[in-house]
PDB file of N, CA and C in Angstrom:
ATOM      1  N   MET A   1     105.137  91.856  94.125  1.00  0.00           N
ATOM      2  CA  MET A   1     103.755  91.896  93.945  1.00  0.00           C
ATOM      3  C   MET A   1     103.275  93.551  94.128  1.00  0.00           C
ATOM      4  N   ALA A   2     102.519  93.992  93.200  1.00  0.00           N
ATOM      5  CA  ALA A   2     102.280  95.444  93.027  1.00  0.00           C
ATOM      6  C   ALA A   2     100.833  95.435  93.946  1.00  0.00           C
ATOM      7  N   GLN A   3     100.559  96.751  94.212  1.00  0.00           N
ATOM      8  CA  GLN A   3      99.197  97.107  94.845  1.00  0.00           C
ATOM      9  C   GLN A   3      98.145  96.946  93.764  1.00  0.00           C
ATOM     10  N   THR A   4      97.015  96.836  94.419  1.00  0.00           N
ATOM     11  CA  THR A   4      96.006  96.613  93.710  1.00  0.00           C
ATOM     12  C   THR A   4      95.435  98.119  93.127  1.00  0.00           C
ATOM     13  N   SER A   5      94.817  97.964  91.906  1.00  0.00           N
ATOM     14  CA  SER A   5      94.558  99.358  91.180  1.00  0.00           C
ATOM     15  C   SER A   5      93.665 100.296  92.267  1.00  0.00           C
ATOM     16  N   GLU A   6      92.866  99.719  93.035  1.00  0.00           N
ATOM     17  CA  GLU A   6      92.215 100.646  93.795  1.00  0.00           C
ATOM     18  C   GLU A   6      92.980 101.345  94.984  1.00  0.00           C
ATOM     19  N   HIS A   7      94.298 100.979  95.017  1.00  0.00           N
ATOM     20  CA  HIS A   7      95.439 101.728  96.016  1.00  0.00           C
ATOM     21  C   HIS A   7      96.502 102.344  95.424  1.00  0.00           C
ATOM     22  N   ARG A   8      96.388 102.185  93.998  1.00  0.00           N
ATOM     23  CA  ARG A   8      97.573 102.889  93.352  1.00  0.00           C
ATOM     24  C   ARG A   8      97.179 104.380  93.008  1.00  0.00           C
ATOM     25  N   HIS A   9      98.146 105.036  93.220  1.00  0.00           N
ATOM     26  CA  HIS A   9      97.972 106.428  92.610  1.00  0.00           C
ATOM     27  C   HIS A   9      99.324 107.029  92.611  1.00  0.00           C
ATOM     28  N   GLY A  10      99.384 108.103  91.780  1.00  0.00           N
ATOM     29  CA  GLY A  10     100.688 108.869  91.482  1.00  0.00           C
ATOM     30  C   GLY A  10     100.868 110.019  92.467  1.00  0.00           C
ATOM     31  N   PRO A  11     101.465 110.955  91.985  1.00  0.00           N
ATOM     32  CA  PRO A  11     101.921 112.166  92.844  1.00  0.00           C
ATOM     33  C   PRO A  11     100.675 112.951  92.941  1.00  0.00           C
ATOM     34  N   GLY A  12      99.685 112.569  93.680  1.00  0.00           N
ATOM     35  CA  GLY A  12      98.419 113.310  93.710  1.00  0.00           C
ATOM     36  C   GLY A  12      98.454 114.741  94.139  1.00  0.00           C
ATOM     37  N   ASN A  13      99.369 115.180  95.061  1.00  0.00           N
ATOM     38  CA  ASN A  13      99.584 116.526  95.351  1.00  0.00           C
ATOM     39  C   ASN A  13      99.725 117.346  94.170  1.00  0.00           C
ATOM     40  N   PRO A  14      98.901 118.297  94.009  1.00  0.00           N
ATOM     41  CA  PRO A  14      98.921 118.977  92.795  1.00  0.00           C
ATOM     42  C   PRO A  14     100.403 119.925  92.744  1.00  0.00           C
ATOM     43  N   GLU A  15     100.933 120.206  93.909  1.00  0.00           N
ATOM     44  CA  GLU A  15     102.253 120.956  93.881  1.00  0.00           C
ATOM     45  C   GLU A  15     103.222 119.887  93.403  1.00  0.00           C
ATOM     46  N   THR A  16     103.251 118.798  93.848  1.00  0.00           N
ATOM     47  CA  THR A  16     104.234 118.008  93.802  1.00  0.00           C
ATOM     48  C   THR A  16     103.980 117.402  92.187  1.00  0.00           C
ATOM     49  N   ARG A  17     103.069 117.124  91.601  1.00  0.00           N
ATOM     50  CA  ARG A  17     102.780 116.901  90.272  1.00  0.00           C
ATOM     51  C   ARG A  17     103.434 117.986  89.386  1.00  0.00           C
ATOM     52  N   LYS A  18     102.992 119.178  89.689  1.00  0.00           N
ATOM     53  CA  LYS A  18     103.403 120.299  88.932  1.00  0.00           C
ATOM     54  C   LYS A  18     104.812 120.309  88.822  1.00  0.00           C
ATOM     55  N   ASN A  19     105.421 120.351  90.137  1.00  0.00           N
ATOM     56  CA  ASN A  19     107.173 120.215  90.180  1.00  0.00           C
ATOM     57  C   ASN A  19     107.810 119.222  89.336  1.00  0.00           C
ATOM     58  N   VAL A  20     107.134 118.056  89.517  1.00  0.00           N
ATOM     59  CA  VAL A  20     107.743 116.942  88.905  1.00  0.00           C
ATOM     60  C   VAL A  20     107.739 117.188  87.284  1.00  0.00           C
ATOM     61  N   LEU A  21     106.424 117.514  87.031  1.00  0.00           N
ATOM     62  CA  LEU A  21     106.427 117.644  85.436  1.00  0.00           C
ATOM     63  C   LEU A  21     107.335 118.972  85.001  1.00  0.00           C
ATOM     64  N   ASN A  22     107.458 119.932  85.753  1.00  0.00           N
ATOM     65  CA  ASN A  22     108.258 121.111  85.214  1.00  0.00           C
ATOM     66  C   ASN A  22     109.848 120.425  85.243  1.00  0.00           C
ATOM     67  N   GLN A  23     110.254 119.905  86.227  1.00  0.00           N
ATOM     68  CA  GLN A  23     111.496 119.073  86.419  1.00  0.00           C
ATOM     69  C   GLN A  23     111.768 118.535  84.791  1.00  0.00           C
ATOM     70  N   LEU A  24     110.669 117.327  84.756  1.00  0.00           N
ATOM     71  CA  LEU A  24     110.984 116.634  83.305  1.00  0.00           C
ATOM     72  C   LEU A  24     111.053 117.466  82.067  1.00  0.00           C
ATOM     73  N   ARG A  25     110.305 118.498  82.173  1.00  0.00           N
ATOM     74  CA  ARG A  25     110.160 119.505  80.920  1.00  0.00           C
ATOM     75  C   ARG A  25     111.568 119.936  80.726  1.00  0.00           C
ATOM     76  N   ARG A  26     112.118 120.382  81.894  1.00  0.00           N
ATOM     77  CA  ARG A  26     113.632 120.752  81.735  1.00  0.00           C
ATOM     78  C   ARG A  26     114.498 119.793  81.366  1.00  0.00           C
ATOM     79  N   ILE A  27     114.447 118.470  81.830  1.00  0.00           N
ATOM     80  CA  ILE A  27     115.257 117.400  81.413  1.00  0.00           C
ATOM     81  C   ILE A  27     115.200 117.003  79.897  1.00  0.00           C
ATOM     82  N   GLU A  28     113.794 117.137  79.510  1.00  0.00           N
ATOM     83  CA  GLU A  28     113.566 117.095  78.153  1.00  0.00           C
ATOM     84  C   GLU A  28     114.373 118.074  77.165  1.00  0.00           C
ATOM     85  N   GLY A  29     114.512 119.346  77.822  1.00  0.00           N
ATOM     86  CA  GLY A  29     115.212 120.361  76.974  1.00  0.00           C
ATOM     87  C   GLY A  29     116.647 120.077  77.052  1.00  0.00           C
ATOM     88  N   GLN A  30     117.130 119.428  78.046  1.00  0.00           N
ATOM     89  CA  GLN A  30     118.684 119.010  78.208  1.00  0.00           C
ATOM     90  C   GLN A  30     119.051 117.928  77.295  1.00  0.00           C
ATOM     91  N   ILE A  31     117.881 116.948  77.132  1.00  0.00           N
ATOM     92  CA  ILE A  31     118.068 115.907  76.158  1.00  0.00           C
ATOM     93  C   ILE A  31     118.182 116.448  74.655  1.00  0.00           C
ATOM     94  N   ARG A  32     117.452 117.309  74.338  1.00  0.00           N
ATOM     95  CA  ARG A  32     117.268 117.797  72.970  1.00  0.00           C
ATOM     96  C   ARG A  32     118.617 118.634  72.936  1.00  0.00           C
ATOM     97  N   GLY A  33     119.301 119.363  73.870  1.00  0.00           N
ATOM     98  CA  GLY A  33     120.677 119.992  73.883  1.00  0.00           C
ATOM     99  C   GLY A  33     121.634 119.044  73.478  1.00  0.00           C
ATOM    100  N   LEU A  34     121.746 117.820  74.395  1.00  0.00           N
ATOM    101  CA  LEU A  34     122.484 116.806  74.055  1.00  0.00           C
ATOM    102  C   LEU A  34     122.377 116.281  72.495  1.00  0.00           C
ATOM    103  N   GLN A  35     121.353 116.190  72.129  1.00  0.00           N
ATOM    104  CA  GLN A  35     121.151 115.697  70.640  1.00  0.00           C
ATOM    105  C   GLN A  35     121.764 116.466  69.844  1.00  0.00           C
ATOM    106  N   ARG A  36     121.650 118.005  70.107  1.00  0.00           N
ATOM    107  CA  ARG A  36     122.101 118.989  69.281  1.00  0.00           C
ATOM    108  C   ARG A  36     123.803 118.795  69.185  1.00  0.00           C
ATOM    109  N   MET A  37     124.344 118.758  70.522  1.00  0.00           N
ATOM    110  CA  MET A  37     125.630 118.649  70.786  1.00  0.00           C
ATOM    111  C   MET A  37     126.466 117.460  69.938  1.00  0.00           C
ATOM    112  N   VAL A  38     125.451 116.206  70.072  1.00  0.00           N
ATOM    113  CA  VAL A  38     126.247 115.148  69.092  1.00  0.00           C
ATOM    114  C   VAL A  38     126.066 115.434  67.765  1.00  0.00           C
ATOM    115  N   GLY A  39     124.911 116.155  67.233  1.00  0.00           N
ATOM    116  CA  GLY A  39     124.778 116.478  65.824  1.00  0.00           C
ATOM    117  C   GLY A  39     125.874 117.409  65.459  1.00  0.00           C
ATOM    118  N   GLU A  40     126.099 118.331  66.432  1.00  0.00           N
ATOM    119  CA  GLU A  40     127.221 119.263  65.918  1.00  0.00           C
ATOM    120  C   GLU A  40     128.658 118.822  66.149  1.00  0.00           C
ATOM    121  N   ASP A  41     128.940 117.523  66.481  1.00  0.00           N
ATOM    122  CA  ASP A  41     130.232 116.652  66.697  1.00  0.00           C
ATOM    123  C   ASP A  41     130.875 117.578  67.778  1.00  0.00           C
ATOM    124  N   ARG A  42     130.315 117.919  68.938  1.00  0.00           N
ATOM    125  CA  ARG A  42     131.080 118.650  69.802  1.00  0.00           C
ATOM    126  C   ARG A  42     131.863 117.792  70.855  1.00  0.00           C
ATOM    127  N   TYR A  43     132.774 118.224  71.372  1.00  0.00           N
ATOM    128  CA  TYR A  43     133.950 117.760  72.208  1.00  0.00           C
ATOM    129  C   TYR A  43     133.246 116.728  73.123  1.00  0.00           C
ATOM    130  N   CYS A  44     133.683 115.577  73.211  1.00  0.00           N
ATOM    131  CA  CYS A  44     133.047 114.429  74.016  1.00  0.00           C
ATOM    132  C   CYS A  44     133.047 114.748  75.280  1.00  0.00           C
ATOM    133  N   PRO A  45     133.921 115.277  75.944  1.00  0.00           N
ATOM    134  CA  PRO A  45     133.925 115.640  77.482  1.00  0.00           C
ATOM    135  C   PRO A  45     132.898 116.668  77.710  1.00  0.00           C
ATOM    136  N   ASP A  46     132.675 117.572  76.847  1.00  0.00           N
ATOM    137  CA  ASP A  46     131.497 118.542  77.100  1.00  0.00           C
ATOM    138  C   ASP A  46     130.125 117.892  77.010  1.00  0.00           C
ATOM    139  N   ILE A  47     130.198 117.044  76.146  1.00  0.00           N
ATOM    140  CA  ILE A  47     128.892 116.103  75.995  1.00  0.00           C
ATOM    141  C   ILE A  47     128.553 115.362  77.448  1.00  0.00           C
ATOM    142  N   LEU A  48     129.647 114.632  77.698  1.00  0.00           N
ATOM    143  CA  LEU A  48     129.441 113.972  78.842  1.00  0.00           C
ATOM    144  C   LEU A  48     129.279 114.816  80.122  1.00  0.00           C
ATOM    145  N   VAL A  49     129.704 115.995  80.187  1.00  0.00           N
ATOM    146  CA  VAL A  49     129.298 116.930  81.589  1.00  0.00           C
ATOM    147  C   VAL A  49     127.677 117.071  81.518  1.00  0.00           C
ATOM    148  N   GLN A  50     127.219 117.147  80.280  1.00  0.00           N
ATOM    149  CA  GLN A  50     125.660 117.411  80.002  1.00  0.00           C
ATOM    150  C   GLN A  50     124.970 116.066  80.342  1.00  0.00           C
ATOM    151  N   VAL A  51     125.622 115.058  80.006  1.00  0.00           N
ATOM    152  CA  VAL A  51     124.996 113.593  80.229  1.00  0.00           C
ATOM    153  C   VAL A  51     124.940 113.519  81.892  1.00  0.00           C
ATOM    154  N   SER A  52     125.931 113.784  82.468  1.00  0.00           N
ATOM    155  CA  SER A  52     126.140 113.878  83.997  1.00  0.00           C
ATOM    156  C   SER A  52     124.859 114.566  84.555  1.00  0.00           C
ATOM    157  N   ALA A  53     124.710 116.100  84.001  1.00  0.00           N
ATOM    158  CA  ALA A  53     123.694 116.898  84.602  1.00  0.00           C
ATOM    159  C   ALA A  53     122.291 116.365  84.385  1.00  0.00           C
ATOM    160  N   VAL A  54     122.040 115.702  83.237  1.00  0.00           N
ATOM    161  CA  VAL A  54     120.727 114.931  83.032  1.00  0.00           C
ATOM    162  C   VAL A  54     120.562 113.723  84.014  1.00  0.00           C
ATOM    163  N   HIS A  55     121.610 112.910  84.272  1.00  0.00           N
ATOM    164  CA  HIS A  55     121.593 111.929  85.471  1.00  0.00           C
ATOM    165  C   HIS A  55     121.181 112.527  86.877  1.00  0.00           C
ATOM    166  N   GLU A  56     121.697 113.734  87.121  1.00  0.00           N
ATOM    167  CA  GLU A  56     121.616 114.020  88.402  1.00  0.00           C
ATOM    168  C   GLU A  56     120.059 114.828  88.345  1.00  0.00           C
ATOM    169  N   ALA A  57     119.640 115.447  87.323  1.00  0.00           N
ATOM    170  CA  ALA A  57     118.253 115.814  87.325  1.00  0.00           C
ATOM    171  C   ALA A  57     117.325 114.685  87.326  1.00  0.00           C
ATOM    172  N   LEU A  58     117.535 113.474  86.816  1.00  0.00           N
ATOM    173  CA  LEU A  58     116.657 112.396  86.946  1.00  0.00           C
ATOM    174  C   LEU A  58     116.512 111.861  88.275  1.00  0.00           C
ATOM    175  N   ARG A  59     117.886 111.988  89.002  1.00  0.00           N
ATOM    176  CA  ARG A  59     117.919 111.457  90.404  1.00  0.00           C
ATOM    177  C   ARG A  59     117.139 112.222  91.186  1.00  0.00           C
ATOM    178  N   LYS A  60     117.175 113.536  91.066  1.00  0.00           N
ATOM    179  CA  LYS A  60     116.200 114.443  91.860  1.00  0.00           C
ATOM    180  C   LYS A  60     114.854 113.967  91.666  1.00  0.00           C
ATOM    181  N   VAL A  61     114.349 113.974  90.458  1.00  0.00           N
ATOM    182  CA  VAL A  61     113.079 113.481  90.164  1.00  0.00           C
ATOM    183  C   VAL A  61     112.767 112.324  90.908  1.00  0.00           C
ATOM    184  N   SER A  62     113.648 111.410  90.870  1.00  0.00           N
ATOM    185  CA  SER A  62     113.329 109.933  91.501  1.00  0.00           C
ATOM    186  C   SER A  62     113.273 110.055  92.955  1.00  0.00           C
ATOM    187  N   GLN A  63     114.039 110.992  93.447  1.00  0.00           N
ATOM    188  CA  GLN A  63     114.106 111.375  95.061  1.00  0.00           C
ATOM    189  C   GLN A  63     112.527 111.926  95.487  1.00  0.00           C
ATOM    190  N   VAL A  64     112.159 112.871  94.706  1.00  0.00           N
ATOM    191  CA  VAL A  64     110.927 113.707  94.965  1.00  0.00           C
ATOM    192  C   VAL A  64     109.793 112.422  94.890  1.00  0.00           C
ATOM    193  N   LEU A  65     109.676 111.546  93.708  1.00  0.00           N
ATOM    194  CA  LEU A  65     108.746 110.623  93.702  1.00  0.00           C
ATOM    195  C   LEU A  65     108.804 109.610  94.617  1.00  0.00           C
ATOM    196  N   LEU A  66     110.058 108.985  95.158  1.00  0.00           N
ATOM    197  CA  LEU A  66     110.210 107.923  96.162  1.00  0.00           C
ATOM    198  C   LEU A  66     109.698 108.685  97.615  1.00  0.00           C
ATOM    199  N   ARG A  67     110.154 109.878  97.885  1.00  0.00           N
ATOM    200  CA  ARG A  67     109.591 110.486  99.032  1.00  0.00           C
ATOM    201  C   ARG A  67     108.076 110.583  99.085  1.00  0.00           C
ATOM    202  N   ASN A  68     107.320 111.160  97.931  1.00  0.00           N
ATOM    203  CA  ASN A  68     105.951 111.038  97.818  1.00  0.00           C
ATOM    204  C   ASN A  68     105.381 109.677  98.100  1.00  0.00           C
ATOM    205  N   HIS A  69     105.920 108.657  97.557  1.00  0.00           N
ATOM    206  CA  HIS A  69     105.529 107.343  97.562  1.00  0.00           C
ATOM    207  C   HIS A  69     105.534 106.988  99.077  1.00  0.00           C
ATOM    208  N   LEU A  70     106.531 106.995  99.688  1.00  0.00           N
ATOM    209  CA  LEU A  70     106.861 106.840 101.151  1.00  0.00           C
ATOM    210  C   LEU A  70     105.776 107.592 102.016  1.00  0.00           C
ATOM    211  N   SER A  71     105.723 108.834 101.890  1.00  0.00           N
ATOM    212  CA  SER A  71     104.891 109.655 102.715  1.00  0.00           C
ATOM    213  C   SER A  71     103.233 109.366 102.314  1.00  0.00           C
ATOM    214  N   HIS A  72     103.021 108.817 101.194  1.00  0.00           N
ATOM    215  CA  HIS A  72     101.489 108.712 101.204  1.00  0.00           C
ATOM    216  C   HIS A  72     101.146 107.437 100.967  1.00  0.00           C
ATOM    217  N   CYS A  73     101.582 106.749 100.045  1.00  0.00           N
ATOM    218  CA  CYS A  73     101.164 105.309  99.540  1.00  0.00           C
ATOM    219  C   CYS A  73     101.854 104.105 100.488  1.00  0.00           C
ATOM    220  N   VAL A  74     103.051 104.176 101.021  1.00  0.00           N
ATOM    221  CA  VAL A  74     103.365 103.311 101.833  1.00  0.00           C
ATOM    222  C   VAL A  74     102.857 103.378 103.089  1.00  0.00           C
ATOM    223  N   THR A  75     102.880 104.811 103.808  1.00  0.00           N
ATOM    224  CA  THR A  75     102.175 105.283 104.997  1.00  0.00           C
ATOM    225  C   THR A  75     100.839 104.731 105.174  1.00  0.00           C
ATOM    226  N   SER A  76      99.865 105.014 104.026  1.00  0.00           N
ATOM    227  CA  SER A  76      98.614 104.605 103.931  1.00  0.00           C
ATOM    228  C   SER A  76      98.432 102.976 103.872  1.00  0.00           C
ATOM    229  N   ALA A  77      99.365 102.246 103.480  1.00  0.00           N
ATOM    230  CA  ALA A  77      99.122 100.794 103.329  1.00  0.00           C
ATOM    231  C   ALA A  77      99.535 100.278 104.645  1.00  0.00           C
ATOM    232  N   ILE A  78     100.426 100.687 105.455  1.00  0.00           N
ATOM    233  CA  ILE A  78     100.791 100.344 106.589  1.00  0.00           C
ATOM    234  C   ILE A  78      99.896 100.562 107.672  1.00  0.00           C
ATOM    235  N   GLN A  79      99.255 101.988 107.601  1.00  0.00           N
ATOM    236  CA  GLN A  79      98.271 102.208 108.566  1.00  0.00           C
ATOM    237  C   GLN A  79      96.972 101.650 108.412  1.00  0.00           C
ATOM    238  N   SER A  80      96.661 100.902 107.124  1.00  0.00           N
ATOM    239  CA  SER A  80      95.298 100.442 106.859  1.00  0.00           C
ATOM    240  C   SER A  80      94.906  99.299 107.727  1.00  0.00           C
ATOM    241  N   GLY A  81      95.892  98.729 108.357  1.00  0.00           N
ATOM    242  CA  GLY A  81      95.633  97.478 109.131  1.00  0.00           C
ATOM    243  C   GLY A  81      95.324  96.325 108.391  1.00  0.00           C
ATOM    244  N   ASP A  82      95.314  96.297 106.955  1.00  0.00           N
ATOM    245  CA  ASP A  82      95.313  95.375 105.928  1.00  0.00           C
ATOM    246  C   ASP A  82      96.565  94.654 105.723  1.00  0.00           C
ATOM    247  N   GLU A  83      96.893  93.526 106.330  1.00  0.00           N
ATOM    248  CA  GLU A  83      98.116  92.671 106.264  1.00  0.00           C
ATOM    249  C   GLU A  83      98.622  92.545 104.774  1.00  0.00           C
ATOM    250  N   HIS A  84      97.720  92.055 104.234  1.00  0.00           N
ATOM    251  CA  HIS A  84      97.860  91.796 102.758  1.00  0.00           C
ATOM    252  C   HIS A  84      98.551  92.950 101.904  1.00  0.00           C
ATOM    253  N   ARG A  85      97.751  94.072 102.093  1.00  0.00           N
ATOM    254  CA  ARG A  85      98.050  95.335 101.503  1.00  0.00           C
ATOM    255  C   ARG A  85      99.482  95.889 101.860  1.00  0.00           C
ATOM    256  N   ALA A  86      99.810  95.529 103.241  1.00  0.00           N
ATOM    257  CA  ALA A  86     101.233  96.131 103.712  1.00  0.00           C
ATOM    258  C   ALA A  86     102.112  95.104 103.222  1.00  0.00           C
ATOM    259  N   GLN A  87     101.962  93.822 103.197  1.00  0.00           N
ATOM    260  CA  GLN A  87     102.859  93.062 102.671  1.00  0.00           C
ATOM    261  C   GLN A  87     103.080  93.359 101.117  1.00  0.00           C
ATOM    262  N   SER A  88     102.104  93.620 100.543  1.00  0.00           N
ATOM    263  CA  SER A  88     102.218  94.025  99.002  1.00  0.00           C
ATOM    264  C   SER A  88     103.165  95.356  98.864  1.00  0.00           C
ATOM    265  N   ILE A  89     103.004  96.291  99.580  1.00  0.00           N
ATOM    266  CA  ILE A  89     103.895  97.365  99.428  1.00  0.00           C
ATOM    267  C   ILE A  89     105.208  97.153  99.914  1.00  0.00           C
ATOM    268  N   TYR A  90     105.429  96.219 100.925  1.00  0.00           N
ATOM    269  CA  TYR A  90     106.875  95.768 101.306  1.00  0.00           C
ATOM    270  C   TYR A  90     107.467  95.194 100.282  1.00  0.00           C
ATOM    271  N   ASP A  91     106.854  94.244  99.525  1.00  0.00           N
ATOM    272  CA  ASP A  91     107.403  93.589  98.377  1.00  0.00           C
ATOM    273  C   ASP A  91     107.746  94.538  97.064  1.00  0.00           C
ATOM    274  N   GLU A  92     106.658  95.564  96.876  1.00  0.00           N
ATOM    275  CA  GLU A  92     107.292  96.402  96.089  1.00  0.00           C
ATOM    276  C   GLU A  92     108.176  97.361  96.255  1.00  0.00           C
ATOM    277  N   LEU A  93     108.323  97.921  97.446  1.00  0.00           N
ATOM    278  CA  LEU A  93     109.687  98.727  97.881  1.00  0.00           C
ATOM    279  C   LEU A  93     110.826  97.769  97.706  1.00  0.00           C
ATOM    280  N   SER A  94     110.758  96.613  98.059  1.00  0.00           N
ATOM    281  CA  SER A  94     112.015  95.787  98.004  1.00  0.00           C
ATOM    282  C   SER A  94     112.403  95.564  96.373  1.00  0.00           C
ATOM    283  N   ASP A  95     111.253  95.635  95.581  1.00  0.00           N
ATOM    284  CA  ASP A  95     111.749  95.435  94.307  1.00  0.00           C
ATOM    285  C   ASP A  95     112.115  96.758  93.553  1.00  0.00           C
ATOM    286  N   LEU A  96     111.657  97.869  94.095  1.00  0.00           N
ATOM    287  CA  LEU A  96     112.098  99.176  93.806  1.00  0.00           C
ATOM    288  C   LEU A  96     113.570  99.451  94.124  1.00  0.00           C
ATOM    289  N   PHE A  97     113.773  99.235  95.378  1.00  0.00           N
ATOM    290  CA  PHE A  97     115.207  99.116  96.001  1.00  0.00           C
ATOM    291  C   PHE A  97     116.268  98.285  95.059  1.00  0.00           C
ATOM    292  N   ASN A  98     115.724  97.204  94.912  1.00  0.00           N
ATOM    293  CA  ASN A  98     116.578  96.192  94.126  1.00  0.00           C
ATOM    294  C   ASN A  98     117.016  96.770  92.659  1.00  0.00           C
ATOM    295  N   LYS A  99     116.179  97.413  91.983  1.00  0.00           N
ATOM    296  CA  LYS A  99     116.286  98.050  90.655  1.00  0.00           C
ATOM    297  C   LYS A  99     117.140  99.149  90.713  1.00  0.00           C
ATOM    298  N   TYR A 100     116.928  99.941  91.669  1.00  0.00           N
ATOM    299  CA  TYR A 100     117.857 101.073  91.779  1.00  0.00           C
ATOM    300  C   TYR A 100     119.092 100.977  92.491  1.00  0.00           C
ATOM    301  N   ALA A 101     119.318 100.036  93.061  1.00  0.00           N
ATOM    302  CA  ALA A 101     120.757  99.454  93.690  1.00  0.00           C
ATOM    303  C   ALA A 101     121.789  99.135  92.739  1.00  0.00           C
ATOM    304  N   ARG A 102     121.282  98.904  91.521  1.00  0.00           N
ATOM    305  CA  ARG A 102     122.377  98.257  90.424  1.00  0.00           C
ATOM    306  C   ARG A 102     123.162  99.367  90.032  1.00  0.00           C
TER     307      ARG A 102
END
């Protein structure tokens, strides 16, 4: 169960949002590089090294977003005293962890 829209927000801290956007732009460039490598019929292990780099970069973005979510959204829901809101955030976290544990 997701939080109601009145309690949903993204990486609201301008510095966090800026950093995440910069990381995603770098990843976008890496993806374009991968497309070029495939188009140029480059050696598969070289391409796979770059795929691994993209995975790691995305993992770092996920880590920043999760930390932000825990620091702000989850903390706010728990401290709100609203049992329904807290339960909703617990369900949301459980779903997130199950998706990423695969």
